[in-house]
Protein backbone atom coordinates (compact mmCIF):
# COMPACT_ATOMS: atom_id res chain seq x y z
CA MET A 1 0.00 0.00 0.00
CA ASN A 2 1.26 3.47 -0.88
CA LYS A 3 1.81 5.99 1.91
CA ILE A 4 -1.56 7.54 2.71
CA SER A 5 -1.76 11.31 3.05
CA LYS A 6 -2.52 12.86 6.43
CA ALA A 7 -5.60 14.51 4.95
CA VAL A 8 -7.10 11.13 4.02
CA VAL A 9 -6.23 9.63 7.41
CA SER A 10 -7.81 12.61 9.18
CA ARG A 11 -11.11 11.88 7.41
CA LEU A 12 -11.27 8.19 8.39
CA PRO A 13 -12.75 8.82 11.88
CA ARG A 14 -15.51 10.87 10.27
CA TYR A 15 -16.37 8.03 7.88
CA TYR A 16 -16.37 5.68 10.84
CA ARG A 17 -18.77 7.91 12.78
CA TYR A 18 -21.23 8.28 9.91
CA LEU A 19 -21.14 4.56 9.17
CA ASP A 20 -21.92 3.87 12.82
CA GLU A 21 -24.97 6.14 12.52
CA LEU A 22 -26.07 4.22 9.42
CA ARG A 23 -25.73 0.95 11.35
CA GLN A 24 -27.90 2.35 14.12
CA GLU A 25 -30.53 3.15 11.47
CA ASN A 26 -30.32 -0.45 10.17
CA ILE A 27 -29.15 0.71 6.72
CA GLU A 28 -27.31 -2.18 5.09
CA ARG A 29 -25.85 -0.54 2.00
CA ILE A 30 -25.21 2.96 0.74
CA SER A 31 -23.84 4.54 -2.42
CA SER A 32 -21.07 7.12 -2.46
CA LYS A 33 -23.63 9.66 -3.69
CA GLU A 34 -25.96 8.99 -0.74
CA LEU A 35 -23.07 9.06 1.70
CA SER A 36 -21.82 12.32 0.21
CA LYS A 37 -25.16 14.01 0.94
CA ARG A 38 -24.96 12.98 4.58
CA MET A 39 -21.34 14.00 5.03
CA ASN A 40 -21.43 17.13 2.85
CA VAL A 41 -18.43 16.05 0.76
CA THR A 42 -18.32 15.03 -2.87
CA ALA A 43 -18.92 11.44 -3.93
CA SER A 44 -15.66 11.51 -5.88
CA GLN A 45 -13.78 12.50 -2.72
CA ILE A 46 -15.26 9.52 -0.89
CA ARG A 47 -14.34 7.13 -3.71
CA GLN A 48 -10.81 8.55 -3.92
CA ASP A 49 -10.29 8.26 -0.17
CA LEU A 50 -11.53 4.68 0.04
CA ASN A 51 -9.66 3.62 -3.10
CA ASN A 52 -6.45 4.26 -1.17
CA PHE A 53 -7.34 1.17 0.84
CA GLY A 54 -8.77 -1.02 -1.90
CA GLY A 55 -12.12 0.62 -2.60
CA PHE A 56 -14.52 -1.57 -0.56
CA GLY A 57 -17.44 -0.89 -2.91
CA GLN A 58 -19.00 -2.45 -6.01
CA GLN A 59 -20.33 -0.51 -8.97
CA GLY A 60 -24.12 -0.56 -8.95
CA TYR A 61 -24.17 -1.91 -5.41
CA GLY A 62 -22.43 0.71 -3.31
CA TYR A 63 -20.91 -0.03 0.05
CA ASN A 64 -21.94 -2.66 2.56
CA VAL A 65 -22.27 -0.48 5.65
CA GLN A 66 -21.34 -3.10 8.26
CA TYR A 67 -18.36 -4.37 6.26
CA LEU A 68 -17.03 -0.87 5.57
CA TYR A 69 -17.51 0.09 9.21
CA GLU A 70 -15.49 -2.92 10.34
CA GLU A 71 -12.74 -2.39 7.74
CA ILE A 72 -12.29 1.28 8.60
CA GLY A 73 -12.26 0.28 12.26
CA LYS A 74 -9.35 -2.06 11.48
CA LEU A 75 -7.52 0.72 9.62
CA LEU A 76 -7.96 2.92 12.68
CA GLY A 77 -6.66 0.17 14.94
CA LEU A 78 -9.97 -0.19 16.75
CA ASN A 79 -10.10 -3.96 16.41
CA VAL A 80 -7.65 -4.30 19.30
CA THR A 81 -7.71 -2.86 22.81
CA HIS A 82 -5.41 0.08 23.56
CA LYS A 83 -4.48 0.61 27.20
CA MET A 84 -4.34 4.27 28.20
CA VAL A 85 -3.73 6.31 31.33
CA ILE A 86 -4.44 9.98 31.96
CA VAL A 87 -1.87 12.24 33.61
CA GLY A 88 -3.73 15.15 35.15
CA ALA A 89 -6.99 14.34 36.94
CA GLY A 90 -8.54 17.80 36.89
CA ASN A 91 -11.81 18.65 35.15
CA LEU A 92 -10.55 17.79 31.64
CA GLY A 93 -8.87 14.55 32.68
CA GLN A 94 -11.97 13.38 34.53
CA ALA A 95 -14.23 14.36 31.63
CA ILE A 96 -12.15 12.21 29.26
CA ALA A 97 -12.18 9.32 31.72
CA ASN A 98 -15.95 9.52 32.10
CA TYR A 99 -16.69 9.62 28.37
CA GLY A 100 -18.13 6.18 27.64
CA ASN A 101 -17.53 6.17 23.89
CA PHE A 102 -13.79 5.74 24.38
CA ARG A 103 -14.40 2.40 26.07
CA ASN A 104 -16.84 1.44 23.33
CA ARG A 105 -14.11 2.11 20.76
CA GLY A 106 -11.59 -0.14 22.49
CA PHE A 107 -9.66 2.45 24.50
CA GLU A 108 -9.19 1.03 27.99
CA ILE A 109 -8.49 3.85 30.43
CA THR A 110 -7.08 2.03 33.44
CA ALA A 111 -6.00 4.85 35.78
CA LEU A 112 -5.55 8.58 36.25
CA PHE A 113 -2.58 10.21 37.94
CA ASP A 114 -2.23 13.47 39.80
CA LYS A 115 -0.17 15.09 42.56
CA ASN A 116 -3.14 16.85 44.19
CA PRO A 117 -3.91 15.03 47.47
CA GLU A 118 -7.55 16.13 47.19
CA LEU A 119 -7.89 14.13 43.96
CA ILE A 120 -5.79 11.07 44.82
CA GLY A 121 -8.04 8.13 45.64
CA LYS A 122 -11.06 9.48 43.78
CA ASP A 123 -12.98 6.94 41.68
CA THR A 124 -13.79 7.73 38.04
CA ALA A 125 -15.17 5.68 35.16
CA GLY A 126 -11.56 5.36 33.98
CA GLY A 127 -10.29 3.99 37.25
CA LYS A 128 -9.00 5.39 40.52
CA VAL A 129 -6.87 8.53 40.66
CA LEU A 130 -3.38 7.44 41.76
CA ASP A 131 -0.45 9.40 43.12
CA ILE A 132 1.74 10.54 40.24
CA LYS A 133 4.82 9.11 41.99
CA TYR A 134 3.58 5.66 40.93
CA LEU A 135 3.14 6.63 37.26
CA TYR A 136 6.37 5.30 35.78
CA ASP A 137 6.26 1.92 37.51
CA TYR A 138 2.59 1.59 36.59
CA VAL A 139 3.06 2.07 32.85
CA LYS A 140 5.95 -0.40 32.77
CA GLU A 141 4.08 -3.06 34.73
CA ASN A 142 0.73 -2.73 32.92
CA ASN A 143 1.74 -2.52 29.24
CA VAL A 144 0.24 0.94 28.82
CA GLU A 145 0.34 2.07 25.19
CA ILE A 146 -1.07 5.61 25.23
CA VAL A 147 -0.75 8.45 27.73
CA ALA A 148 -3.16 11.38 27.69
CA LEU A 149 -1.53 14.51 29.09
CA THR A 150 -4.11 16.87 30.60
CA LEU A 151 -1.82 18.94 32.79
CA PRO A 152 -0.08 22.36 32.64
CA LYS A 153 2.65 22.78 30.06
CA GLU A 154 5.48 23.25 32.57
CA PRO A 155 5.67 19.62 33.79
CA ALA A 156 4.38 18.05 30.55
CA GLN A 157 7.72 17.91 28.71
CA LYS A 158 9.67 16.39 31.60
CA ILE A 159 6.98 13.82 32.33
CA ALA A 160 6.74 12.89 28.64
CA GLU A 161 10.50 12.33 28.41
CA LYS A 162 10.44 10.00 31.43
CA LEU A 163 7.48 8.12 29.99
CA VAL A 164 9.34 7.58 26.72
CA GLU A 165 12.13 5.97 28.78
CA CYS A 166 9.45 3.69 30.26
CA GLY A 167 8.41 2.51 26.79
CA ILE A 168 5.42 4.76 26.00
CA LYS A 169 5.08 5.16 22.24
CA ALA A 170 2.14 7.56 21.90
CA PHE A 171 0.85 10.71 23.57
CA TRP A 172 -2.56 12.35 23.34
CA ASN A 173 -1.38 15.78 24.31
CA PHE A 174 -3.77 18.38 25.75
CA ALA A 175 -0.98 20.32 27.46
CA HIS A 176 -0.54 23.81 26.02
CA THR A 177 2.84 22.97 24.48
CA ASP A 178 4.28 20.99 21.58
CA LEU A 179 6.17 18.05 23.01
CA GLY A 180 9.81 17.69 22.03
CA VAL A 181 10.20 13.92 21.81
CA SER A 182 12.05 11.64 19.41
CA GLY A 183 10.68 11.17 15.92
CA ASP A 184 9.45 7.60 16.41
CA ILE A 185 7.11 8.69 19.22
CA ILE A 186 3.56 9.39 18.05
CA VAL A 187 2.06 12.65 19.31
CA GLU A 188 -1.48 13.87 18.65
CA ASN A 189 -1.74 17.47 19.87
CA VAL A 190 -5.18 18.73 20.91
CA HIS A 191 -4.90 22.44 21.64
CA LEU A 192 -8.44 23.43 22.60
CA SER A 193 -7.77 27.18 22.64
CA GLU A 194 -6.31 27.05 19.12
CA SER A 195 -9.40 25.24 17.87
CA LEU A 196 -11.60 27.90 19.45
CA MET A 197 -9.50 30.66 17.88
CA LYS A 198 -10.03 29.10 14.46
CA LEU A 199 -13.73 29.36 15.13
CA THR A 200 -13.55 33.02 16.17
CA TYR A 201 -11.45 33.79 13.08
CA ARG A 202 -14.20 32.39 10.90
CA ILE A 203 -16.81 34.43 12.80
CA SER A 204 -14.72 37.56 12.32
CA GLU A 205 -14.18 36.77 8.64
CA LYS A 206 -17.93 36.30 8.12
CA ASN A 207 -18.80 39.51 9.98
CA ASN A 208 -16.24 41.48 7.96
CA SER A 209 -17.68 40.19 4.68
CA LEU A 210 -21.19 41.20 5.75
CA ASN A 211 -20.04 44.70 6.66
CA LYS A 212 -18.42 45.39 3.30
């Protein structure tokens, strides 16, 4: 398989979400044209994206919804369980832990870590909040694959570096900083304020066009 562009990969979760909705509606097959209307993208874009992985459809038949859902799930690595811990058990960390859809998608949040004594020992849907001093031994002993960082930027870099030494290969980074880790470490940055600023830019752009 040729190297797939980041743009195509970034659209796969959206296909997965819409296909799940179709499953819930008991729709067994759908054409690229019908799917394009739901997703507000062109049918040719859908066909081009899916052709990167073999196509999955048949001319005159369309796509088998359940089959395509399962295949995209495999591409996204959702056919296996991924163990994850959260470092930072404040409001954001607890919200992530309590979001049930992560468990439904195969992400097993096993514990949260924090240094705040008022949070240590608290039960969440993602497990008990543990003292951060146990973090490094925990990830080594429990085959943790992903660490979500929901803590201030100052300690994030140092903690990430120590976790890499413990064998962590991927970070879901909510800290307000870009992690400086080696190139083979996978980092998905989620900067909430930047996303919100993109939204306000579009509002400003729209208002400016209306005022011209």
